[in-house]
Protein backbone atom coordinates (compact mmCIF):
# COMPACT_ATOMS: atom_id res chain seq x y z
CA UNK A 1 -162.47 -78.15 -69.91
CA UNK A 2 -164.82 -81.13 -69.90
CA UNK A 3 -166.49 -82.32 -66.69
CA UNK A 4 -168.17 -85.64 -66.00
CA UNK A 5 -171.74 -85.78 -64.70
CA UNK A 6 -172.37 -88.50 -62.11
CA UNK A 7 -175.40 -90.81 -62.05
CA UNK A 8 -176.85 -88.43 -59.41
CA UNK A 9 -176.46 -85.56 -61.96
CA UNK A 10 -173.69 -83.93 -59.92
CA UNK A 11 -170.57 -82.19 -61.17
CA UNK A 12 -167.31 -81.54 -59.32
CA UNK A 13 -165.68 -78.25 -60.24
CA UNK A 14 -161.86 -78.29 -60.34
CA UNK A 15 -160.10 -76.47 -57.52
CA UNK A 16 -158.44 -74.05 -59.95
CA UNK A 17 -161.89 -72.93 -61.16
CA UNK A 18 -163.16 -72.40 -57.61
CA UNK A 19 -159.97 -70.56 -56.65
CA UNK A 20 -160.27 -68.30 -59.69
CA UNK A 21 -163.87 -67.52 -58.70
CA UNK A 22 -162.76 -66.82 -55.12
CA UNK A 23 -165.26 -69.21 -53.56
CA UNK A 24 -164.69 -71.26 -50.44
CA UNK A 25 -166.59 -74.06 -48.68
CA UNK A 26 -169.98 -72.76 -47.60
CA UNK A 27 -170.17 -70.12 -50.35
CA UNK A 28 -172.85 -70.29 -53.02
CA UNK A 29 -172.61 -70.16 -56.80
CA UNK A 30 -175.38 -68.66 -58.90
CA UNK A 31 -176.12 -70.11 -62.35
CA UNK A 32 -177.46 -67.56 -64.85
CA UNK A 33 -178.91 -68.61 -68.20
CA UNK A 34 -177.97 -66.39 -71.12
CA UNK A 35 -178.21 -66.48 -74.90
CA UNK A 36 -174.76 -68.10 -75.22
CA UNK A 37 -175.29 -70.67 -72.45
CA UNK A 38 -174.97 -70.66 -68.68
CA UNK A 39 -172.75 -68.43 -66.53
CA UNK A 40 -171.44 -69.42 -63.08
CA UNK A 41 -171.14 -66.48 -60.71
CA UNK A 42 -170.15 -66.36 -57.02
CA UNK A 43 -173.07 -65.32 -54.83
CA UNK A 44 -171.71 -63.00 -52.19
CA UNK A 45 -173.40 -61.26 -49.26
CA UNK A 46 -174.42 -57.67 -49.96
CA UNK A 47 -173.16 -56.12 -46.73
CA UNK A 48 -174.88 -52.81 -47.54
CA UNK A 49 -178.23 -54.55 -47.08
CA UNK A 50 -177.28 -55.40 -43.49
CA UNK A 51 -177.23 -51.75 -42.44
CA UNK A 52 -180.72 -52.00 -40.93
CA UNK A 53 -179.36 -54.38 -38.28
CA UNK A 54 -176.88 -51.85 -36.84
CA UNK A 55 -179.33 -50.76 -34.13
CA UNK A 56 -179.75 -54.40 -32.98
CA UNK A 57 -176.05 -54.91 -32.14
CA UNK A 58 -175.20 -53.99 -28.54
CA UNK A 59 -172.48 -51.34 -28.04
CA UNK A 60 -169.02 -52.82 -27.58
CA UNK A 61 -169.92 -56.09 -29.34
CA UNK A 62 -166.89 -57.34 -31.34
CA UNK A 63 -167.23 -57.34 -35.14
CA UNK A 64 -168.17 -60.62 -36.79
CA UNK A 65 -165.14 -62.49 -38.14
CA UNK A 66 -166.33 -64.44 -41.18
CA UNK A 67 -162.97 -66.19 -41.67
CA UNK A 68 -163.00 -67.75 -38.19
CA UNK A 69 -166.67 -68.67 -38.71
CA UNK A 70 -165.78 -70.51 -41.95
CA UNK A 71 -163.06 -72.47 -40.14
CA UNK A 72 -165.48 -73.85 -37.54
CA UNK A 73 -166.49 -77.51 -37.94
CA UNK A 74 -169.50 -78.14 -40.18
CA UNK A 75 -172.71 -79.14 -38.40
CA UNK A 76 -175.03 -81.06 -40.79
CA UNK A 77 -178.05 -80.27 -38.61
CA UNK A 78 -177.74 -76.59 -39.64
CA UNK A 79 -178.42 -77.17 -43.34
CA UNK A 80 -180.71 -74.81 -45.27
């Protein structure tokens, strides 16, 4: 597969590649350099590292639904 690089040095990955990687809008992709070239890898949240926050959640609070969060409209003012 050959991809074109724009004048802004950007690349658009085909939807079949993103689907195969299991990434969705808002997800991140990590690029790892190796001896044979570069590897693209989905960067997922390590939910086990969130265990320290359990005491901060009030009892009876509903669990966070990441799918409904992803479907909310994008607000550009919330960029990293």
